[in-house]
Amino acid sequence: MNEESYLKERLDGQITWYNDKSATNKKWFRICQLTQIVIASLITLSGIFASKDFPWVYYAIPVLGAIIAITSGILGLYKFQENWLEYRTTTESLRHEKYLFLTKSEPYNTENPLNLLVGRVETLISKENTNWAQYMRKVSKEKD
């Protein structure tokens, strides 16, 4: 694999993948957080209407509380914030390596900079994959 194909097929592909995953996790984290804030506020405000004239409020309050519990569970299960930050960190690290390589800056001002780039990029990707595998093992053990 030559320099151009590695940069285009592997490095740029990984930067795009991590960037997209970061954006998706950020979006879902914010949706869940916003849902919790709005629902918690509605529970507080529903106290104003809790009377015999509005009996539906007595049913709405526990339903709203359940929505908060479900949203909290989703946040805990899918780890949107943690994934967002990890994917963003990996994206920026990969971009950093790419720009150092393209400008032939330290440590890429050597005789064979492509091999060094490949080693460093694959280490970053491997680290992310290892973190994911460890997380999946932990989740599996918690289920057992």
N, C-alpha and C. Protein backbone atom coordinates (compact mmCIF):
# COMPACT_ATOMS: atom_id res chain seq x y z
N MET A 1 0.86 -1.18 0.00
CA MET A 1 0.00 0.00 0.00
C MET A 1 0.90 1.23 0.00
N ASN A 2 0.63 2.14 -0.89
CA ASN A 2 1.45 3.34 -0.96
C ASN A 2 0.88 4.44 -0.07
N GLU A 3 1.61 5.53 -0.01
CA GLU A 3 1.26 6.64 0.87
C GLU A 3 -0.13 7.20 0.54
N GLU A 4 -0.39 7.45 -0.72
CA GLU A 4 -1.65 8.06 -1.12
C GLU A 4 -2.84 7.17 -0.77
N SER A 5 -2.73 5.88 -1.06
CA SER A 5 -3.85 4.98 -0.77
C SER A 5 -4.04 4.80 0.72
N TYR A 6 -2.95 4.76 1.50
CA TYR A 6 -3.11 4.63 2.95
C TYR A 6 -3.82 5.86 3.52
N LEU A 7 -3.37 7.04 3.09
CA LEU A 7 -3.99 8.27 3.59
C LEU A 7 -5.47 8.33 3.22
N LYS A 8 -5.76 8.00 1.97
CA LYS A 8 -7.13 8.14 1.48
C LYS A 8 -8.03 7.03 2.00
N GLU A 9 -7.61 5.79 1.85
CA GLU A 9 -8.47 4.66 2.19
C GLU A 9 -8.52 4.36 3.68
N ARG A 10 -7.40 4.40 4.33
CA ARG A 10 -7.38 3.99 5.74
C ARG A 10 -7.54 5.18 6.68
N LEU A 11 -6.62 6.13 6.60
CA LEU A 11 -6.61 7.22 7.57
C LEU A 11 -7.83 8.13 7.42
N ASP A 12 -8.10 8.60 6.20
CA ASP A 12 -9.27 9.46 6.01
C ASP A 12 -10.57 8.71 6.32
N GLY A 13 -10.61 7.43 5.98
CA GLY A 13 -11.79 6.62 6.28
C GLY A 13 -12.04 6.51 7.77
N GLN A 14 -10.96 6.31 8.53
CA GLN A 14 -11.09 6.21 9.98
C GLN A 14 -11.45 7.56 10.61
N ILE A 15 -10.87 8.62 10.10
CA ILE A 15 -11.21 9.96 10.61
C ILE A 15 -12.70 10.23 10.37
N THR A 16 -13.19 9.91 9.19
CA THR A 16 -14.61 10.10 8.88
C THR A 16 -15.48 9.25 9.79
N TRP A 17 -15.11 7.98 9.98
CA TRP A 17 -15.91 7.08 10.81
C TRP A 17 -15.98 7.59 12.25
N TYR A 18 -14.84 7.89 12.84
CA TYR A 18 -14.83 8.37 14.23
C TYR A 18 -15.54 9.72 14.36
N ASN A 19 -15.39 10.58 13.39
CA ASN A 19 -16.07 11.88 13.41
C ASN A 19 -17.59 11.70 13.37
N ASP A 20 -18.06 10.83 12.48
CA ASP A 20 -19.50 10.58 12.37
C ASP A 20 -20.05 9.95 13.65
N LYS A 21 -19.34 8.98 14.20
CA LYS A 21 -19.78 8.33 15.44
C LYS A 21 -19.79 9.32 16.60
N SER A 22 -18.81 10.19 16.63
CA SER A 22 -18.77 11.22 17.67
C SER A 22 -20.00 12.12 17.57
N ALA A 23 -20.31 12.56 16.37
CA ALA A 23 -21.45 13.46 16.16
C ALA A 23 -22.77 12.77 16.53
N THR A 24 -22.91 11.50 16.16
CA THR A 24 -24.13 10.76 16.50
C THR A 24 -24.29 10.61 18.00
N ASN A 25 -23.22 10.25 18.69
CA ASN A 25 -23.30 10.08 20.14
C ASN A 25 -23.55 11.41 20.84
N LYS A 26 -22.96 12.48 20.33
CA LYS A 26 -23.21 13.81 20.90
C LYS A 26 -24.69 14.17 20.75
N LYS A 27 -25.24 13.92 19.57
CA LYS A 27 -26.65 14.23 19.32
C LYS A 27 -27.55 13.47 20.28
N TRP A 28 -27.33 12.15 20.44
CA TRP A 28 -28.19 11.35 21.31
C TRP A 28 -28.00 11.70 22.78
N PHE A 29 -26.78 12.04 23.17
CA PHE A 29 -26.56 12.46 24.55
C PHE A 29 -27.36 13.73 24.84
N ARG A 30 -27.30 14.68 23.93
CA ARG A 30 -28.02 15.94 24.13
C ARG A 30 -29.54 15.74 24.11
N ILE A 31 -30.02 14.87 23.24
CA ILE A 31 -31.46 14.58 23.20
C ILE A 31 -31.92 13.99 24.53
N CYS A 32 -31.17 13.03 25.04
CA CYS A 32 -31.54 12.40 26.31
C CYS A 32 -31.47 13.39 27.47
N GLN A 33 -30.43 14.20 27.50
CA GLN A 33 -30.31 15.20 28.56
C GLN A 33 -31.44 16.21 28.49
N LEU A 34 -31.75 16.68 27.31
CA LEU A 34 -32.83 17.65 27.13
C LEU A 34 -34.18 17.04 27.53
N THR A 35 -34.38 15.78 27.17
CA THR A 35 -35.61 15.08 27.57
C THR A 35 -35.73 15.04 29.08
N GLN A 36 -34.66 14.70 29.76
CA GLN A 36 -34.70 14.65 31.23
C GLN A 36 -35.01 16.02 31.83
N ILE A 37 -34.41 17.06 31.31
CA ILE A 37 -34.64 18.41 31.84
C ILE A 37 -36.10 18.83 31.64
N VAL A 38 -36.61 18.61 30.43
CA VAL A 38 -37.98 19.02 30.13
C VAL A 38 -38.98 18.22 30.97
N ILE A 39 -38.79 16.91 31.04
CA ILE A 39 -39.73 16.07 31.79
C ILE A 39 -39.68 16.38 33.27
N ALA A 40 -38.49 16.58 33.82
CA ALA A 40 -38.38 16.94 35.24
C ALA A 40 -39.08 18.26 35.52
N SER A 41 -38.96 19.20 34.61
CA SER A 41 -39.66 20.48 34.76
C SER A 41 -41.17 20.30 34.69
N LEU A 42 -41.62 19.43 33.80
CA LEU A 42 -43.06 19.17 33.69
C LEU A 42 -43.61 18.52 34.97
N ILE A 43 -42.84 17.65 35.57
CA ILE A 43 -43.27 17.03 36.83
C ILE A 43 -43.45 18.11 37.89
N THR A 44 -42.49 19.01 37.97
CA THR A 44 -42.57 20.09 38.95
C THR A 44 -43.78 20.99 38.68
N LEU A 45 -43.96 21.34 37.43
CA LEU A 45 -45.09 22.21 37.07
C LEU A 45 -46.44 21.53 37.22
N SER A 46 -46.47 20.21 37.09
CA SER A 46 -47.75 19.50 37.18
C SER A 46 -48.37 19.61 38.57
N GLY A 47 -47.55 19.92 39.55
CA GLY A 47 -48.07 20.13 40.91
C GLY A 47 -49.10 21.26 40.96
N ILE A 48 -48.98 22.20 40.07
CA ILE A 48 -49.92 23.32 40.01
C ILE A 48 -51.32 22.81 39.66
N PHE A 49 -51.39 21.77 38.81
CA PHE A 49 -52.67 21.29 38.31
C PHE A 49 -53.22 20.09 39.09
N ALA A 50 -52.47 19.60 40.06
CA ALA A 50 -52.91 18.41 40.80
C ALA A 50 -54.10 18.78 41.68
N SER A 51 -55.28 18.46 41.20
CA SER A 51 -56.51 18.71 41.96
C SER A 51 -57.60 17.81 41.41
N LYS A 52 -58.75 17.86 42.04
CA LYS A 52 -59.88 17.05 41.59
C LYS A 52 -60.38 17.50 40.21
N ASP A 53 -60.09 18.73 39.86
CA ASP A 53 -60.51 19.24 38.55
C ASP A 53 -59.67 18.65 37.40
N PHE A 54 -58.47 18.22 37.71
CA PHE A 54 -57.56 17.66 36.69
C PHE A 54 -57.03 16.30 37.16
N PRO A 55 -57.89 15.29 37.18
CA PRO A 55 -57.45 13.98 37.70
C PRO A 55 -56.37 13.31 36.85
N TRP A 56 -56.28 13.68 35.58
CA TRP A 56 -55.27 13.09 34.70
C TRP A 56 -53.86 13.37 35.18
N VAL A 57 -53.68 14.45 35.95
CA VAL A 57 -52.34 14.81 36.44
C VAL A 57 -51.79 13.71 37.34
N TYR A 58 -52.68 13.05 38.10
CA TYR A 58 -52.23 11.99 39.00
C TYR A 58 -51.68 10.78 38.23
N TYR A 59 -52.08 10.64 37.00
CA TYR A 59 -51.54 9.58 36.15
C TYR A 59 -50.31 10.07 35.37
N ALA A 60 -50.32 11.33 35.03
CA ALA A 60 -49.22 11.88 34.23
C ALA A 60 -47.91 11.93 35.01
N ILE A 61 -47.98 12.25 36.28
CA ILE A 61 -46.75 12.40 37.07
C ILE A 61 -45.94 11.10 37.09
N PRO A 62 -46.52 9.94 37.42
CA PRO A 62 -45.70 8.73 37.40
C PRO A 62 -45.22 8.35 35.99
N VAL A 63 -46.02 8.64 34.98
CA VAL A 63 -45.59 8.35 33.60
C VAL A 63 -44.37 9.20 33.25
N LEU A 64 -44.42 10.47 33.62
CA LEU A 64 -43.27 11.36 33.36
C LEU A 64 -42.04 10.89 34.14
N GLY A 65 -42.25 10.45 35.38
CA GLY A 65 -41.13 9.92 36.16
C GLY A 65 -40.54 8.68 35.51
N ALA A 66 -41.39 7.84 34.96
CA ALA A 66 -40.90 6.64 34.26
C ALA A 66 -40.09 7.01 33.02
N ILE A 67 -40.52 8.05 32.33
CA ILE A 67 -39.77 8.50 31.16
C ILE A 67 -38.37 8.95 31.57
N ILE A 68 -38.27 9.64 32.70
CA ILE A 68 -36.94 10.05 33.19
C ILE A 68 -36.10 8.82 33.52
N ALA A 69 -36.70 7.84 34.18
CA ALA A 69 -35.96 6.62 34.53
C ALA A 69 -35.50 5.88 33.28
N ILE A 70 -36.36 5.79 32.28
CA ILE A 70 -36.00 5.12 31.03
C ILE A 70 -34.87 5.87 30.33
N THR A 71 -34.98 7.18 30.28
CA THR A 71 -33.93 7.99 29.64
C THR A 71 -32.60 7.84 30.37
N SER A 72 -32.65 7.82 31.69
CA SER A 72 -31.42 7.62 32.46
C SER A 72 -30.81 6.26 32.18
N GLY A 73 -31.67 5.25 32.07
CA GLY A 73 -31.19 3.91 31.75
C GLY A 73 -30.55 3.84 30.37
N ILE A 74 -31.15 4.52 29.42
CA ILE A 74 -30.60 4.57 28.06
C ILE A 74 -29.22 5.24 28.07
N LEU A 75 -29.11 6.34 28.81
CA LEU A 75 -27.82 7.02 28.91
C LEU A 75 -26.76 6.12 29.53
N GLY A 76 -27.14 5.38 30.56
CA GLY A 76 -26.20 4.47 31.21
C GLY A 76 -25.83 3.30 30.33
N LEU A 77 -26.79 2.78 29.61
CA LEU A 77 -26.55 1.61 28.78
C LEU A 77 -25.71 1.92 27.55
N TYR A 78 -26.05 2.98 26.85
CA TYR A 78 -25.37 3.29 25.59
C TYR A 78 -24.16 4.20 25.74
N LYS A 79 -23.98 4.80 26.90
CA LYS A 79 -22.79 5.62 27.19
C LYS A 79 -22.53 6.67 26.11
N PHE A 80 -23.57 7.40 25.74
CA PHE A 80 -23.45 8.38 24.67
C PHE A 80 -22.38 9.43 24.94
N GLN A 81 -22.32 9.96 26.17
CA GLN A 81 -21.34 11.00 26.47
C GLN A 81 -19.92 10.45 26.41
N GLU A 82 -19.70 9.29 27.01
CA GLU A 82 -18.36 8.69 27.00
C GLU A 82 -17.91 8.38 25.58
N ASN A 83 -18.83 7.79 24.79
CA ASN A 83 -18.49 7.47 23.40
C ASN A 83 -18.21 8.72 22.59
N TRP A 84 -19.03 9.74 22.77
CA TRP A 84 -18.83 11.01 22.07
C TRP A 84 -17.43 11.53 22.33
N LEU A 85 -17.03 11.58 23.61
CA LEU A 85 -15.72 12.12 23.96
C LEU A 85 -14.58 11.24 23.47
N GLU A 86 -14.74 9.92 23.59
CA GLU A 86 -13.68 9.02 23.11
C GLU A 86 -13.52 9.09 21.60
N TYR A 87 -14.64 9.07 20.89
CA TYR A 87 -14.57 9.16 19.43
C TYR A 87 -14.01 10.51 18.98
N ARG A 88 -14.39 11.57 19.66
CA ARG A 88 -13.86 12.90 19.31
C ARG A 88 -12.36 12.94 19.55
N THR A 89 -11.92 12.38 20.67
CA THR A 89 -10.48 12.35 20.99
C THR A 89 -9.72 11.56 19.93
N THR A 90 -10.25 10.42 19.53
CA THR A 90 -9.58 9.61 18.51
C THR A 90 -9.56 10.34 17.18
N THR A 91 -10.67 10.98 16.82
CA THR A 91 -10.71 11.76 15.57
C THR A 91 -9.62 12.81 15.56
N GLU A 92 -9.54 13.58 16.62
CA GLU A 92 -8.55 14.67 16.67
C GLU A 92 -7.12 14.13 16.71
N SER A 93 -6.91 13.01 17.37
CA SER A 93 -5.57 12.40 17.40
C SER A 93 -5.16 11.94 16.00
N LEU A 94 -6.10 11.33 15.28
CA LEU A 94 -5.81 10.89 13.92
C LEU A 94 -5.53 12.08 13.00
N ARG A 95 -6.31 13.13 13.14
CA ARG A 95 -6.06 14.34 12.34
C ARG A 95 -4.70 14.94 12.67
N HIS A 96 -4.38 14.95 13.93
CA HIS A 96 -3.09 15.48 14.38
C HIS A 96 -1.94 14.72 13.70
N GLU A 97 -2.03 13.40 13.73
CA GLU A 97 -0.99 12.58 13.10
C GLU A 97 -0.92 12.84 11.61
N LYS A 98 -2.08 12.97 10.97
CA LYS A 98 -2.11 13.22 9.53
C LYS A 98 -1.41 14.54 9.19
N TYR A 99 -1.72 15.60 9.94
CA TYR A 99 -1.13 16.90 9.63
C TYR A 99 0.36 16.94 9.94
N LEU A 100 0.78 16.27 10.99
CA LEU A 100 2.22 16.18 11.26
C LEU A 100 2.92 15.46 10.10
N PHE A 101 2.29 14.38 9.63
CA PHE A 101 2.87 13.62 8.52
C PHE A 101 2.94 14.45 7.24
N LEU A 102 1.84 15.10 6.90
CA LEU A 102 1.79 15.88 5.65
C LEU A 102 2.78 17.04 5.64
N THR A 103 3.05 17.59 6.79
CA THR A 103 4.00 18.71 6.87
C THR A 103 5.42 18.25 7.16
N LYS A 104 5.58 16.92 7.27
CA LYS A 104 6.89 16.32 7.58
C LYS A 104 7.48 16.89 8.87
N SER A 105 6.61 17.15 9.81
CA SER A 105 7.04 17.66 11.11
C SER A 105 7.45 16.50 12.00
N GLU A 106 8.11 16.81 13.11
CA GLU A 106 8.52 15.82 14.09
C GLU A 106 7.31 15.00 14.52
N PRO A 107 7.32 13.74 14.53
CA PRO A 107 8.41 12.79 14.34
C PRO A 107 8.52 12.26 12.90
N TYR A 108 7.82 12.87 11.95
CA TYR A 108 7.77 12.36 10.59
C TYR A 108 8.84 12.93 9.66
N ASN A 109 9.82 13.57 10.22
CA ASN A 109 10.92 14.09 9.40
C ASN A 109 12.05 13.08 9.37
N THR A 110 11.68 11.82 9.12
CA THR A 110 12.64 10.73 9.09
C THR A 110 12.76 10.16 7.68
N GLU A 111 13.55 9.11 7.57
CA GLU A 111 13.79 8.49 6.29
C GLU A 111 12.56 7.77 5.74
N ASN A 112 11.81 7.10 6.60
CA ASN A 112 10.63 6.35 6.18
C ASN A 112 9.42 6.77 7.02
N PRO A 113 8.86 7.94 6.74
CA PRO A 113 7.78 8.46 7.58
C PRO A 113 6.46 7.68 7.45
N LEU A 114 6.23 7.02 6.32
CA LEU A 114 4.97 6.29 6.15
C LEU A 114 4.87 5.13 7.14
N ASN A 115 5.96 4.40 7.32
CA ASN A 115 5.94 3.30 8.29
C ASN A 115 5.65 3.80 9.70
N LEU A 116 6.22 4.93 10.05
CA LEU A 116 5.98 5.52 11.36
C LEU A 116 4.51 5.94 11.49
N LEU A 117 3.97 6.57 10.44
CA LEU A 117 2.57 6.97 10.45
C LEU A 117 1.66 5.77 10.61
N VAL A 118 1.89 4.74 9.84
CA VAL A 118 1.07 3.53 9.91
C VAL A 118 1.11 2.96 11.32
N GLY A 119 2.28 2.87 11.89
CA GLY A 119 2.42 2.34 13.24
C GLY A 119 1.64 3.16 14.26
N ARG A 120 1.77 4.46 14.19
CA ARG A 120 1.11 5.33 15.16
C ARG A 120 -0.41 5.34 14.97
N VAL A 121 -0.86 5.39 13.72
CA VAL A 121 -2.30 5.39 13.43
C VAL A 121 -2.93 4.07 13.86
N GLU A 122 -2.30 2.97 13.50
CA GLU A 122 -2.85 1.67 13.85
C GLU A 122 -2.85 1.45 15.37
N THR A 123 -1.89 2.05 16.06
CA THR A 123 -1.89 1.98 17.53
C THR A 123 -3.09 2.73 18.11
N LEU A 124 -3.38 3.91 17.56
CA LEU A 124 -4.55 4.67 18.02
C LEU A 124 -5.84 3.88 17.77
N ILE A 125 -5.97 3.31 16.60
CA ILE A 125 -7.17 2.55 16.25
C ILE A 125 -7.26 1.29 17.12
N SER A 126 -6.15 0.63 17.30
CA SER A 126 -6.11 -0.58 18.11
C SER A 126 -6.50 -0.28 19.56
N LYS A 127 -6.02 0.84 20.07
CA LYS A 127 -6.36 1.25 21.44
C LYS A 127 -7.86 1.43 21.58
N GLU A 128 -8.47 2.07 20.61
CA GLU A 128 -9.91 2.29 20.63
C GLU A 128 -10.65 0.95 20.57
N ASN A 129 -10.19 0.05 19.71
CA ASN A 129 -10.81 -1.27 19.61
C ASN A 129 -10.65 -2.06 20.90
N THR A 130 -9.50 -1.95 21.54
CA THR A 130 -9.26 -2.63 22.82
C THR A 130 -10.19 -2.08 23.89
N ASN A 131 -10.36 -0.77 23.94
CA ASN A 131 -11.28 -0.17 24.91
C ASN A 131 -12.70 -0.68 24.70
N TRP A 132 -13.10 -0.79 23.44
CA TRP A 132 -14.44 -1.28 23.13
C TRP A 132 -14.59 -2.73 23.58
N ALA A 133 -13.59 -3.56 23.29
CA ALA A 133 -13.65 -4.98 23.67
C ALA A 133 -13.71 -5.13 25.19
N GLN A 134 -12.94 -4.33 25.91
CA GLN A 134 -12.97 -4.40 27.38
C GLN A 134 -14.34 -3.98 27.91
N TYR A 135 -14.92 -2.96 27.32
CA TYR A 135 -16.25 -2.52 27.73
C TYR A 135 -17.28 -3.62 27.48
N MET A 136 -17.21 -4.28 26.33
CA MET A 136 -18.16 -5.34 26.01
C MET A 136 -18.00 -6.52 26.96
N ARG A 137 -16.78 -6.85 27.35
CA ARG A 137 -16.57 -7.93 28.32
C ARG A 137 -17.18 -7.55 29.67
N LYS A 138 -17.02 -6.32 30.07
CA LYS A 138 -17.58 -5.82 31.33
C LYS A 138 -19.11 -5.90 31.31
N VAL A 139 -19.71 -5.46 30.22
CA VAL A 139 -21.17 -5.53 30.08
C VAL A 139 -21.65 -6.97 30.13
N SER A 140 -20.91 -7.86 29.46
CA SER A 140 -21.27 -9.28 29.44
C SER A 140 -21.22 -9.88 30.84
N LYS A 141 -20.19 -9.54 31.61
CA LYS A 141 -20.06 -10.04 32.98
C LYS A 141 -21.17 -9.50 33.87
N GLU A 142 -21.57 -8.24 33.66
CA GLU A 142 -22.64 -7.66 34.46
C GLU A 142 -23.97 -8.35 34.18
N LYS A 143 -24.17 -8.82 32.96
CA LYS A 143 -25.40 -9.53 32.61
C LYS A 143 -25.47 -10.89 33.26
N ASP A 144 -24.29 -11.53 33.39
CA ASP A 144 -24.24 -12.87 33.99
C ASP A 144 -24.44 -12.74 35.46
